Amino acid sequence: MRPGQPKREDYEYQRDGKCAIFLAVEPLRGFRKLWVRARRTMLDFAEVARDLVDIVYPDAEQIVLVVDNLNIHHPASLYERFSPAEARRIAEKIEWHYTPEHASWLNIAECEVSVLKRQCLKSRLPNMETVEQKASAWQEQRNQIPATIDWRFTADDARNKLKRLYPIVKVQNSA
């Protein structure tokens, strides 16, 4: 400070906490389900998977689950959290599919998380309860519309865009 200049104060950022959001999307129906958790661990993901099987889709014979390659998105998380019999019961109802590495734009849930951030979570929120309230209200609004997703990325598009993942197999004619 110098004589004749006003007093200056600096803003000190204070982090009040963080949380994780798990999101499942059923694109053709326009349905989404959110879970807000304190952490993003294998145990948290296992509980989300159990909720999908037992609460969200209890009558489904098979649930097709597309996930990214995060180390917690794996059937092993079920065995970390539940007894072997319970983990097997849950795992057998899920058909696991993984998006290619560095291709999160192929994961519809990632696209929906982007919408959630822009429409609902663009400002700092004081606590996890506020995040839960805002996210739940957003989920209800999106499900009431219902905001469906018209996915236009075809297998041919994938073969063109992701050439390294689709090797060309040359068939030799036997004479």
Foldseek 3Di string as FASTA:
>chain_A
DDPPDDDDDDDDDDDQADWDKDKDADFALLAMDIDIGRDDALQVVLVVLVCVCVPVCVPQQAAEDEEEVDPSPDLVSVVVHDPPVVSVVSVNRYDYHYDDPPPCVVPVVSVVVVVCCVPFVVDDDNDSVVVVVRSVVVNVVCNVVVNHDDDDCDPVNCCVVVVVVPDDDDDDDDD
